[in-house]
């Protein structure tokens, strides 16, 4: 089975959507905390523009990362596992072969 041709059952789709939502929630909470810390240390205009640039880059990254597209979802899950935003147990209920591929890709 090719990774991009994996068929998702209705149950797996629900598990996938929940896992993506949890990972995104974690990443956004971490980002918000980081922004609060950076904002507290702004003392010059250059610091403000740096924060703006940082936020623009993070928005681009997060918007692209959490694109919910089934043909590439295995790769998204692998990236989220590797970055620590997703926990392997949140994939329980997915096809074991799929989880194995996700785990292998996350170690690359």
PDB file of N, CA and C in Angstrom:
ATOM      1  N   UNK A   1       0.850  -1.184   0.000  1.00  0.00           N
ATOM      2  CA  UNK A   1       0.000   0.000   0.000  1.00  0.00           C
ATOM      3  C   UNK A   1       0.890   1.240   0.000  1.00  0.00           C
ATOM      4  N   UNK A   2       0.693   2.125  -0.969  1.00  0.00           N
ATOM      5  CA  UNK A   2       1.446   3.364  -0.998  1.00  0.00           C
ATOM      6  C   UNK A   2       0.861   4.328   0.022  1.00  0.00           C
ATOM      7  N   UNK A   3       1.735   5.106   0.613  1.00  0.00           N
ATOM      8  CA  UNK A   3       1.315   6.028   1.662  1.00  0.00           C
ATOM      9  C   UNK A   3       0.246   6.997   1.167  1.00  0.00           C
ATOM     10  N   UNK A   4       0.385   7.473  -0.061  1.00  0.00           N
ATOM     11  CA  UNK A   4      -0.571   8.460  -0.564  1.00  0.00           C
ATOM     12  C   UNK A   4      -1.881   7.837  -1.035  1.00  0.00           C
ATOM     13  N   UNK A   5      -1.976   6.513  -1.031  1.00  0.00           N
ATOM     14  CA  UNK A   5      -3.197   5.849  -1.478  1.00  0.00           C
ATOM     15  C   UNK A   5      -3.903   5.110  -0.350  1.00  0.00           C
ATOM     16  N   UNK A   6      -3.595   5.477   0.877  1.00  0.00           N
ATOM     17  CA  UNK A   6      -4.221   4.845   2.031  1.00  0.00           C
ATOM     18  C   UNK A   6      -5.698   5.223   2.075  1.00  0.00           C
ATOM     19  N   UNK A   7      -6.526   4.228   2.324  1.00  0.00           N
ATOM     20  CA  UNK A   7      -7.956   4.461   2.482  1.00  0.00           C
ATOM     21  C   UNK A   7      -8.247   4.670   3.968  1.00  0.00           C
ATOM     22  N   UNK A   8      -9.018   5.687   4.263  1.00  0.00           N
ATOM     23  CA  UNK A   8      -9.350   6.024   5.640  1.00  0.00           C
ATOM     24  C   UNK A   8     -10.792   5.637   5.917  1.00  0.00           C
ATOM     25  N   UNK A   9     -11.010   4.854   6.979  1.00  0.00           N
ATOM     26  CA  UNK A   9     -12.373   4.529   7.389  1.00  0.00           C
ATOM     27  C   UNK A   9     -12.971   5.745   8.090  1.00  0.00           C
ATOM     28  N   UNK A  10     -14.262   5.712   8.302  1.00  0.00           N
ATOM     29  CA  UNK A  10     -14.929   6.821   8.991  1.00  0.00           C
ATOM     30  C   UNK A  10     -14.369   6.998  10.404  1.00  0.00           C
ATOM     31  N   UNK A  11     -14.124   5.877  11.084  1.00  0.00           N
ATOM     32  CA  UNK A  11     -13.561   5.922  12.434  1.00  0.00           C
ATOM     33  C   UNK A  11     -12.157   6.516  12.403  1.00  0.00           C
ATOM     34  N   UNK A  12     -11.358   6.101  11.431  1.00  0.00           N
ATOM     35  CA  UNK A  12      -9.997   6.628  11.314  1.00  0.00           C
ATOM     36  C   UNK A  12     -10.006   8.123  11.005  1.00  0.00           C
ATOM     37  N   UNK A  13     -10.959   8.558  10.204  1.00  0.00           N
ATOM     38  CA  UNK A  13     -11.071   9.988   9.906  1.00  0.00           C
ATOM     39  C   UNK A  13     -11.346  10.778  11.181  1.00  0.00           C
ATOM     40  N   UNK A  14     -12.218  10.250  12.039  1.00  0.00           N
ATOM     41  CA  UNK A  14     -12.528  10.919  13.311  1.00  0.00           C
ATOM     42  C   UNK A  14     -11.298  10.969  14.214  1.00  0.00           C
ATOM     43  N   UNK A  15     -10.573   9.854  14.282  1.00  0.00           N
ATOM     44  CA  UNK A  15      -9.355   9.797  15.088  1.00  0.00           C
ATOM     45  C   UNK A  15      -8.328  10.794  14.555  1.00  0.00           C
ATOM     46  N   UNK A  16      -8.186  10.846  13.235  1.00  0.00           N
ATOM     47  CA  UNK A  16      -7.222  11.746  12.597  1.00  0.00           C
ATOM     48  C   UNK A  16      -7.569  13.207  12.877  1.00  0.00           C
ATOM     49  N   UNK A  17      -8.835  13.556  12.738  1.00  0.00           N
ATOM     50  CA  UNK A  17      -9.255  14.940  12.981  1.00  0.00           C
ATOM     51  C   UNK A  17      -9.012  15.343  14.429  1.00  0.00           C
ATOM     52  N   UNK A  18      -9.301  14.429  15.354  1.00  0.00           N
ATOM     53  CA  UNK A  18      -9.087  14.720  16.769  1.00  0.00           C
ATOM     54  C   UNK A  18      -7.592  14.873  17.060  1.00  0.00           C
ATOM     55  N   UNK A  19      -6.770  13.999  16.492  1.00  0.00           N
ATOM     56  CA  UNK A  19      -5.324  14.055  16.715  1.00  0.00           C
ATOM     57  C   UNK A  19      -4.739  15.361  16.177  1.00  0.00           C
ATOM     58  N   UNK A  20      -5.168  15.740  14.980  1.00  0.00           N
ATOM     59  CA  UNK A  20      -4.700  16.995  14.380  1.00  0.00           C
ATOM     60  C   UNK A  20      -5.106  18.181  15.260  1.00  0.00           C
ATOM     61  N   UNK A  21      -6.335  18.171  15.728  1.00  0.00           N
ATOM     62  CA  UNK A  21      -6.832  19.275  16.558  1.00  0.00           C
ATOM     63  C   UNK A  21      -6.043  19.379  17.864  1.00  0.00           C
ATOM     64  N   UNK A  22      -5.745  18.244  18.480  1.00  0.00           N
ATOM     65  CA  UNK A  22      -4.995  18.256  19.733  1.00  0.00           C
ATOM     66  C   UNK A  22      -3.568  18.769  19.516  1.00  0.00           C
ATOM     67  N   UNK A  23      -2.941  18.312  18.449  1.00  0.00           N
ATOM     68  CA  UNK A  23      -1.575  18.758  18.153  1.00  0.00           C
ATOM     69  C   UNK A  23      -1.552  20.264  17.888  1.00  0.00           C
ATOM     70  N   UNK A  24      -2.495  20.728  17.098  1.00  0.00           N
ATOM     71  CA  UNK A  24      -2.555  22.160  16.778  1.00  0.00           C
ATOM     72  C   UNK A  24      -2.801  22.977  18.036  1.00  0.00           C
ATOM     73  N   UNK A  25      -3.677  22.500  18.891  1.00  0.00           N
ATOM     74  CA  UNK A  25      -3.974  23.196  20.146  1.00  0.00           C
ATOM     75  C   UNK A  25      -2.709  23.320  20.999  1.00  0.00           C
ATOM     76  N   UNK A  26      -1.922  22.240  21.075  1.00  0.00           N
ATOM     77  CA  UNK A  26      -0.675  22.266  21.842  1.00  0.00           C
ATOM     78  C   UNK A  26       0.319  23.271  21.256  1.00  0.00           C
ATOM     79  N   UNK A  27       0.466  23.214  19.928  1.00  0.00           N
ATOM     80  CA  UNK A  27       1.435  24.097  19.292  1.00  0.00           C
ATOM     81  C   UNK A  27       1.028  25.562  19.447  1.00  0.00           C
ATOM     82  N   UNK A  28      -0.243  25.845  19.305  1.00  0.00           N
ATOM     83  CA  UNK A  28      -0.716  27.231  19.445  1.00  0.00           C
ATOM     84  C   UNK A  28      -0.550  27.714  20.883  1.00  0.00           C
ATOM     85  N   UNK A  29      -0.822  26.848  21.852  1.00  0.00           N
ATOM     86  CA  UNK A  29      -0.631  27.238  23.257  1.00  0.00           C
ATOM     87  C   UNK A  29       0.843  27.557  23.524  1.00  0.00           C
ATOM     88  N   UNK A  30       1.742  26.759  22.980  1.00  0.00           N
ATOM     89  CA  UNK A  30       3.180  27.012  23.151  1.00  0.00           C
ATOM     90  C   UNK A  30       3.578  28.312  22.457  1.00  0.00           C
ATOM     91  N   UNK A  31       3.032  28.538  21.279  1.00  0.00           N
ATOM     92  CA  UNK A  31       3.322  29.770  20.542  1.00  0.00           C
ATOM     93  C   UNK A  31       2.834  30.990  21.321  1.00  0.00           C
ATOM     94  N   UNK A  32       1.644  30.906  21.853  1.00  0.00           N
ATOM     95  CA  UNK A  32       1.092  32.037  22.608  1.00  0.00           C
ATOM     96  C   UNK A  32       1.959  32.358  23.833  1.00  0.00           C
ATOM     97  N   UNK A  33       2.432  31.320  24.490  1.00  0.00           N
ATOM     98  CA  UNK A  33       3.306  31.541  25.643  1.00  0.00           C
ATOM     99  C   UNK A  33       4.618  32.191  25.206  1.00  0.00           C
ATOM    100  N   UNK A  34       5.170  31.721  24.103  1.00  0.00           N
ATOM    101  CA  UNK A  34       6.413  32.301  23.585  1.00  0.00           C
ATOM    102  C   UNK A  34       6.212  33.766  23.193  1.00  0.00           C
ATOM    103  N   UNK A  35       5.078  34.070  22.573  1.00  0.00           N
ATOM    104  CA  UNK A  35       4.788  35.448  22.173  1.00  0.00           C
ATOM    105  C   UNK A  35       4.635  36.337  23.411  1.00  0.00           C
ATOM    106  N   UNK A  36       3.986  35.841  24.439  1.00  0.00           N
ATOM    107  CA  UNK A  36       3.843  36.616  25.678  1.00  0.00           C
ATOM    108  C   UNK A  36       5.220  36.958  26.254  1.00  0.00           C
ATOM    109  N   UNK A  37       6.110  35.978  26.268  1.00  0.00           N
ATOM    110  CA  UNK A  37       7.450  36.211  26.792  1.00  0.00           C
ATOM    111  C   UNK A  37       8.208  37.227  25.941  1.00  0.00           C
ATOM    112  N   UNK A  38       8.110  37.080  24.617  1.00  0.00           N
ATOM    113  CA  UNK A  38       8.791  38.026  23.742  1.00  0.00           C
ATOM    114  C   UNK A  38       8.203  39.429  23.879  1.00  0.00           C
ATOM    115  N   UNK A  39       6.893  39.503  23.970  1.00  0.00           N
ATOM    116  CA  UNK A  39       6.240  40.813  24.074  1.00  0.00           C
ATOM    117  C   UNK A  39       6.643  41.521  25.368  1.00  0.00           C
ATOM    118  N   UNK A  40       6.802  40.753  26.435  1.00  0.00           N
ATOM    119  CA  UNK A  40       7.198  41.338  27.712  1.00  0.00           C
ATOM    120  C   UNK A  40       8.597  41.947  27.662  1.00  0.00           C
ATOM    121  N   UNK A  41       9.423  41.488  26.725  1.00  0.00           N
ATOM    122  CA  UNK A  41      10.799  41.978  26.674  1.00  0.00           C
ATOM    123  C   UNK A  41      11.020  43.038  25.585  1.00  0.00           C
ATOM    124  N   UNK A  42       9.945  43.478  24.956  1.00  0.00           N
ATOM    125  CA  UNK A  42      10.083  44.498  23.906  1.00  0.00           C
ATOM    126  C   UNK A  42      10.403  45.845  24.556  1.00  0.00           C
ATOM    127  N   UNK A  43      11.544  46.385  24.135  1.00  0.00           N
ATOM    128  CA  UNK A  43      11.947  47.700  24.648  1.00  0.00           C
ATOM    129  C   UNK A  43      12.272  48.676  23.529  1.00  0.00           C
ATOM    130  N   UNK A  44      12.381  48.138  22.309  1.00  0.00           N
ATOM    131  CA  UNK A  44      12.724  48.982  21.163  1.00  0.00           C
ATOM    132  C   UNK A  44      11.828  48.613  19.988  1.00  0.00           C
ATOM    133  N   UNK A  45      11.718  49.540  19.060  1.00  0.00           N
ATOM    134  CA  UNK A  45      10.902  49.307  17.872  1.00  0.00           C
ATOM    135  C   UNK A  45      11.400  48.093  17.079  1.00  0.00           C
ATOM    136  N   UNK A  46      12.697  47.919  17.005  1.00  0.00           N
ATOM    137  CA  UNK A  46      13.249  46.760  16.287  1.00  0.00           C
ATOM    138  C   UNK A  46      12.764  45.441  16.885  1.00  0.00           C
ATOM    139  N   UNK A  47      12.608  45.411  18.187  1.00  0.00           N
ATOM    140  CA  UNK A  47      12.100  44.205  18.848  1.00  0.00           C
ATOM    141  C   UNK A  47      10.660  43.919  18.416  1.00  0.00           C
ATOM    142  N   UNK A  48       9.897  44.980  18.267  1.00  0.00           N
ATOM    143  CA  UNK A  48       8.511  44.842  17.824  1.00  0.00           C
ATOM    144  C   UNK A  48       8.438  44.275  16.413  1.00  0.00           C
ATOM    145  N   UNK A  49       9.278  44.789  15.527  1.00  0.00           N
ATOM    146  CA  UNK A  49       9.290  44.288  14.147  1.00  0.00           C
ATOM    147  C   UNK A  49       9.796  42.847  14.101  1.00  0.00           C
ATOM    148  N   UNK A  50      10.725  42.521  14.969  1.00  0.00           N
ATOM    149  CA  UNK A  50      11.202  41.136  15.037  1.00  0.00           C
ATOM    150  C   UNK A  50      10.058  40.206  15.441  1.00  0.00           C
ATOM    151  N   UNK A  51       9.265  40.636  16.412  1.00  0.00           N
ATOM    152  CA  UNK A  51       8.111  39.836  16.845  1.00  0.00           C
ATOM    153  C   UNK A  51       7.111  39.691  15.692  1.00  0.00           C
ATOM    154  N   UNK A  52       6.885  40.758  14.970  1.00  0.00           N
ATOM    155  CA  UNK A  52       5.994  40.706  13.813  1.00  0.00           C
ATOM    156  C   UNK A  52       6.498  39.695  12.788  1.00  0.00           C
ATOM    157  N   UNK A  53       7.782  39.746  12.466  1.00  0.00           N
ATOM    158  CA  UNK A  53       8.363  38.814  11.496  1.00  0.00           C
ATOM    159  C   UNK A  53       8.275  37.376  11.991  1.00  0.00           C
ATOM    160  N   UNK A  54       8.543  37.189  13.271  1.00  0.00           N
ATOM    161  CA  UNK A  54       8.449  35.866  13.888  1.00  0.00           C
ATOM    162  C   UNK A  54       7.032  35.313  13.748  1.00  0.00           C
ATOM    163  N   UNK A  55       6.037  36.137  14.077  1.00  0.00           N
ATOM    164  CA  UNK A  55       4.640  35.708  13.983  1.00  0.00           C
ATOM    165  C   UNK A  55       4.231  35.408  12.540  1.00  0.00           C
ATOM    166  N   UNK A  56       4.688  36.210  11.609  1.00  0.00           N
ATOM    167  CA  UNK A  56       4.364  35.963  10.197  1.00  0.00           C
ATOM    168  C   UNK A  56       4.908  34.623   9.751  1.00  0.00           C
ATOM    169  N   UNK A  57       6.144  34.328  10.132  1.00  0.00           N
ATOM    170  CA  UNK A  57       6.762  33.054   9.756  1.00  0.00           C
ATOM    171  C   UNK A  57       6.042  31.884  10.412  1.00  0.00           C
ATOM    172  N   UNK A  58       5.706  32.033  11.682  1.00  0.00           N
ATOM    173  CA  UNK A  58       5.005  30.948  12.396  1.00  0.00           C
ATOM    174  C   UNK A  58       3.612  30.719  11.813  1.00  0.00           C
ATOM    175  N   UNK A  59       2.933  31.801  11.431  1.00  0.00           N
ATOM    176  CA  UNK A  59       1.605  31.652  10.829  1.00  0.00           C
ATOM    177  C   UNK A  59       1.698  30.855   9.532  1.00  0.00           C
ATOM    178  N   UNK A  60       2.667  31.195   8.711  1.00  0.00           N
ATOM    179  CA  UNK A  60       2.870  30.487   7.450  1.00  0.00           C
ATOM    180  C   UNK A  60       3.141  29.005   7.715  1.00  0.00           C
ATOM    181  N   UNK A  61       4.002  28.728   8.675  1.00  0.00           N
ATOM    182  CA  UNK A  61       4.355  27.346   9.012  1.00  0.00           C
ATOM    183  C   UNK A  61       3.136  26.574   9.540  1.00  0.00           C
ATOM    184  N   UNK A  62       2.425  27.160  10.472  1.00  0.00           N
ATOM    185  CA  UNK A  62       1.287  26.471  11.089  1.00  0.00           C
ATOM    186  C   UNK A  62       0.145  26.284  10.088  1.00  0.00           C
ATOM    187  N   UNK A  63      -0.147  27.297   9.299  1.00  0.00           N
ATOM    188  CA  UNK A  63      -1.216  27.162   8.304  1.00  0.00           C
ATOM    189  C   UNK A  63      -0.911  26.032   7.323  1.00  0.00           C
ATOM    190  N   UNK A  64       0.326  25.907   6.926  1.00  0.00           N
ATOM    191  CA  UNK A  64       0.705  24.840   6.002  1.00  0.00           C
ATOM    192  C   UNK A  64       0.771  23.479   6.661  1.00  0.00           C
ATOM    193  N   UNK A  65       1.247  23.454   7.877  1.00  0.00           N
ATOM    194  CA  UNK A  65       1.442  22.192   8.586  1.00  0.00           C
ATOM    195  C   UNK A  65       0.128  21.480   8.879  1.00  0.00           C
ATOM    196  N   UNK A  66      -0.890  22.226   9.217  1.00  0.00           N
ATOM    197  CA  UNK A  66      -2.150  21.627   9.637  1.00  0.00           C
ATOM    198  C   UNK A  66      -3.177  21.569   8.513  1.00  0.00           C
ATOM    199  N   UNK A  67      -2.706  21.543   7.290  1.00  0.00           N
ATOM    200  CA  UNK A  67      -3.578  21.359   6.135  1.00  0.00           C
ATOM    201  C   UNK A  67      -4.071  19.915   6.164  1.00  0.00           C
ATOM    202  N   UNK A  68      -5.364  19.741   6.287  1.00  0.00           N
ATOM    203  CA  UNK A  68      -5.953  18.411   6.463  1.00  0.00           C
ATOM    204  C   UNK A  68      -6.259  17.800   5.104  1.00  0.00           C
ATOM    205  N   UNK A  69      -5.271  17.121   4.533  1.00  0.00           N
ATOM    206  CA  UNK A  69      -5.388  16.526   3.216  1.00  0.00           C
ATOM    207  C   UNK A  69      -5.033  15.040   3.336  1.00  0.00           C
ATOM    208  N   UNK A  70      -6.001  14.156   3.102  1.00  0.00           N
ATOM    209  CA  UNK A  70      -5.786  12.728   3.346  1.00  0.00           C
ATOM    210  C   UNK A  70      -4.577  12.123   2.636  1.00  0.00           C
ATOM    211  N   UNK A  71      -4.295  12.464   1.387  1.00  0.00           N
ATOM    212  CA  UNK A  71      -3.118  11.844   0.748  1.00  0.00           C
ATOM    213  C   UNK A  71      -1.791  12.159   1.455  1.00  0.00           C
ATOM    214  N   UNK A  72      -1.715  13.277   2.166  1.00  0.00           N
ATOM    215  CA  UNK A  72      -0.455  13.642   2.823  1.00  0.00           C
ATOM    216  C   UNK A  72      -0.529  13.567   4.346  1.00  0.00           C
ATOM    217  N   UNK A  73      -1.637  13.115   4.874  1.00  0.00           N
ATOM    218  CA  UNK A  73      -1.841  13.115   6.323  1.00  0.00           C
ATOM    219  C   UNK A  73      -0.822  12.251   7.059  1.00  0.00           C
ATOM    220  N   UNK A  74      -0.394  11.165   6.461  1.00  0.00           N
ATOM    221  CA  UNK A  74       0.618  10.317   7.097  1.00  0.00           C
ATOM    222  C   UNK A  74       1.896  11.123   7.329  1.00  0.00           C
ATOM    223  N   UNK A  75       2.264  11.946   6.355  1.00  0.00           N
ATOM    224  CA  UNK A  75       3.463  12.774   6.483  1.00  0.00           C
ATOM    225  C   UNK A  75       3.260  13.871   7.525  1.00  0.00           C
ATOM    226  N   UNK A  76       2.064  14.417   7.581  1.00  0.00           N
ATOM    227  CA  UNK A  76       1.745  15.438   8.587  1.00  0.00           C
ATOM    228  C   UNK A  76       1.867  14.835   9.983  1.00  0.00           C
ATOM    229  N   UNK A  77       1.281  13.655  10.171  1.00  0.00           N
ATOM    230  CA  UNK A  77       1.370  12.992  11.472  1.00  0.00           C
ATOM    231  C   UNK A  77       2.820  12.702  11.843  1.00  0.00           C
ATOM    232  N   UNK A  78       3.612  12.252  10.882  1.00  0.00           N
ATOM    233  CA  UNK A  78       5.029  11.957  11.150  1.00  0.00           C
ATOM    234  C   UNK A  78       5.753  13.214  11.612  1.00  0.00           C
ATOM    235  N   UNK A  79       5.502  14.310  10.935  1.00  0.00           N
ATOM    236  CA  UNK A  79       6.146  15.576  11.311  1.00  0.00           C
ATOM    237  C   UNK A  79       5.717  16.008  12.710  1.00  0.00           C
ATOM    238  N   UNK A  80       4.419  15.892  12.996  1.00  0.00           N
ATOM    239  CA  UNK A  80       3.916  16.302  14.303  1.00  0.00           C
ATOM    240  C   UNK A  80       4.477  15.433  15.421  1.00  0.00           C
ATOM    241  N   UNK A  81       4.620  14.135  15.152  1.00  0.00           N
ATOM    242  CA  UNK A  81       5.247  13.236  16.129  1.00  0.00           C
ATOM    243  C   UNK A  81       6.693  13.655  16.365  1.00  0.00           C
ATOM    244  N   UNK A  82       7.408  13.883  15.287  1.00  0.00           N
ATOM    245  CA  UNK A  82       8.823  14.248  15.377  1.00  0.00           C
ATOM    246  C   UNK A  82       9.005  15.552  16.146  1.00  0.00           C
ATOM    247  N   UNK A  83       8.124  16.510  15.918  1.00  0.00           N
ATOM    248  CA  UNK A  83       8.218  17.811  16.589  1.00  0.00           C
ATOM    249  C   UNK A  83       7.676  17.779  18.016  1.00  0.00           C
ATOM    250  N   UNK A  84       6.986  16.698  18.391  1.00  0.00           N
ATOM    251  CA  UNK A  84       6.475  16.560  19.752  1.00  0.00           C
ATOM    252  C   UNK A  84       5.088  17.125  19.990  1.00  0.00           C
ATOM    253  N   UNK A  85       4.421  17.587  18.934  1.00  0.00           N
ATOM    254  CA  UNK A  85       3.072  18.141  19.100  1.00  0.00           C
ATOM    255  C   UNK A  85       2.017  17.049  19.157  1.00  0.00           C
ATOM    256  N   UNK A  86       2.326  15.885  18.641  1.00  0.00           N
ATOM    257  CA  UNK A  86       1.406  14.745  18.609  1.00  0.00           C
ATOM    258  C   UNK A  86       2.034  13.607  19.392  1.00  0.00           C
ATOM    259  N   UNK A  87       1.214  12.878  20.128  1.00  0.00           N
ATOM    260  CA  UNK A  87       1.679  11.710  20.873  1.00  0.00           C
ATOM    261  C   UNK A  87       1.214  10.449  20.149  1.00  0.00           C
ATOM    262  N   UNK A  88       2.071   9.448  20.134  1.00  0.00           N
ATOM    263  CA  UNK A  88       1.771   8.217  19.383  1.00  0.00           C
ATOM    264  C   UNK A  88       0.447   7.592  19.826  1.00  0.00           C
ATOM    265  N   UNK A  89       0.139   7.634  21.110  1.00  0.00           N
ATOM    266  CA  UNK A  89      -1.104   7.021  21.590  1.00  0.00           C
ATOM    267  C   UNK A  89      -2.353   7.712  21.053  1.00  0.00           C
ATOM    268  N   UNK A  90      -2.211   8.928  20.541  1.00  0.00           N
ATOM    269  CA  UNK A  90      -3.357   9.624  19.950  1.00  0.00           C
ATOM    270  C   UNK A  90      -3.705   9.055  18.576  1.00  0.00           C
ATOM    271  N   UNK A  91      -2.861   8.165  18.082  1.00  0.00           N
ATOM    272  CA  UNK A  91      -3.127   7.505  16.804  1.00  0.00           C
ATOM    273  C   UNK A  91      -3.742   6.122  16.998  1.00  0.00           C
ATOM    274  N   UNK A  92      -3.987   5.745  18.253  1.00  0.00           N
ATOM    275  CA  UNK A  92      -4.618   4.451  18.525  1.00  0.00           C
ATOM    276  C   UNK A  92      -5.964   4.382  17.816  1.00  0.00           C
ATOM    277  N   UNK A  93      -6.198   3.276  17.151  1.00  0.00           N
ATOM    278  CA  UNK A  93      -7.432   3.088  16.404  1.00  0.00           C
ATOM    279  C   UNK A  93      -7.228   3.211  14.908  1.00  0.00           C
ATOM    280  N   UNK A  94      -6.079   3.773  14.500  1.00  0.00           N
ATOM    281  CA  UNK A  94      -5.753   3.807  13.075  1.00  0.00           C
ATOM    282  C   UNK A  94      -5.209   2.443  12.665  1.00  0.00           C
ATOM    283  N   UNK A  95      -5.228   2.176  11.395  1.00  0.00           N
ATOM    284  CA  UNK A  95      -4.672   0.946  10.852  1.00  0.00           C
ATOM    285  C   UNK A  95      -3.244   0.772  11.376  1.00  0.00           C
ATOM    286  N   UNK A  96      -2.922  -0.378  11.983  1.00  0.00           N
ATOM    287  CA  UNK A  96      -1.572  -0.582  12.534  1.00  0.00           C
ATOM    288  C   UNK A  96      -0.454  -0.392  11.499  1.00  0.00           C
ATOM    289  N   UNK A  97      -0.712  -0.768  10.257  1.00  0.00           N
ATOM    290  CA  UNK A  97       0.289  -0.566   9.210  1.00  0.00           C
ATOM    291  C   UNK A  97       0.532   0.931   8.992  1.00  0.00           C
ATOM    292  N   UNK A  98      -0.534   1.710   9.043  1.00  0.00           N
ATOM    293  CA  UNK A  98      -0.433   3.154   8.878  1.00  0.00           C
ATOM    294  C   UNK A  98       0.361   3.762  10.040  1.00  0.00           C
ATOM    295  N   UNK A  99       0.064   3.341  11.251  1.00  0.00           N
ATOM    296  CA  UNK A  99       0.762   3.853  12.430  1.00  0.00           C
ATOM    297  C   UNK A  99       2.245   3.492  12.360  1.00  0.00           C
ATOM    298  N   UNK A 100       2.531   2.292  11.883  1.00  0.00           N
ATOM    299  CA  UNK A 100       3.918   1.865  11.723  1.00  0.00           C
ATOM    300  C   UNK A 100       4.656   2.758  10.728  1.00  0.00           C
ATOM    301  N   UNK A 101       4.006   3.091   9.618  1.00  0.00           N
ATOM    302  CA  UNK A 101       4.611   3.982   8.625  1.00  0.00           C
ATOM    303  C   UNK A 101       4.822   5.375   9.194  1.00  0.00           C
ATOM    304  N   UNK A 102       3.845   5.858   9.930  1.00  0.00           N
ATOM    305  CA  UNK A 102       3.946   7.181  10.549  1.00  0.00           C
ATOM    306  C   UNK A 102       5.132   7.195  11.524  1.00  0.00           C
ATOM    307  N   UNK A 103       5.231   6.160  12.349  1.00  0.00           N
ATOM    308  CA  UNK A 103       6.317   6.083  13.322  1.00  0.00           C
ATOM    309  C   UNK A 103       7.679   6.036  12.627  1.00  0.00           C
ATOM    310  N   UNK A 104       7.761   5.246  11.564  1.00  0.00           N
ATOM    311  CA  UNK A 104       9.028   5.135  10.835  1.00  0.00           C
ATOM    312  C   UNK A 104       9.407   6.476  10.210  1.00  0.00           C
ATOM    313  N   UNK A 105       8.444   7.141   9.603  1.00  0.00           N
ATOM    314  CA  UNK A 105       8.711   8.441   8.986  1.00  0.00           C
ATOM    315  C   UNK A 105       9.101   9.487  10.023  1.00  0.00           C
ATOM    316  N   UNK A 106       8.558   9.386  11.212  1.00  0.00           N
ATOM    317  CA  UNK A 106       8.859  10.382  12.259  1.00  0.00           C
ATOM    318  C   UNK A 106      10.290  10.265  12.757  1.00  0.00           C
ATOM    319  N   UNK A 107      10.913   9.126  12.514  1.00  0.00           N
ATOM    320  CA  UNK A 107      12.293   8.936  12.960  1.00  0.00           C
ATOM    321  C   UNK A 107      13.314   9.364  11.897  1.00  0.00           C
ATOM    322  N   UNK A 108      12.831   9.805  10.762  1.00  0.00           N
ATOM    323  CA  UNK A 108      13.747  10.207   9.683  1.00  0.00           C
ATOM    324  C   UNK A 108      14.215  11.635   9.872  1.00  0.00           C
TER     325      UNK A 108
END
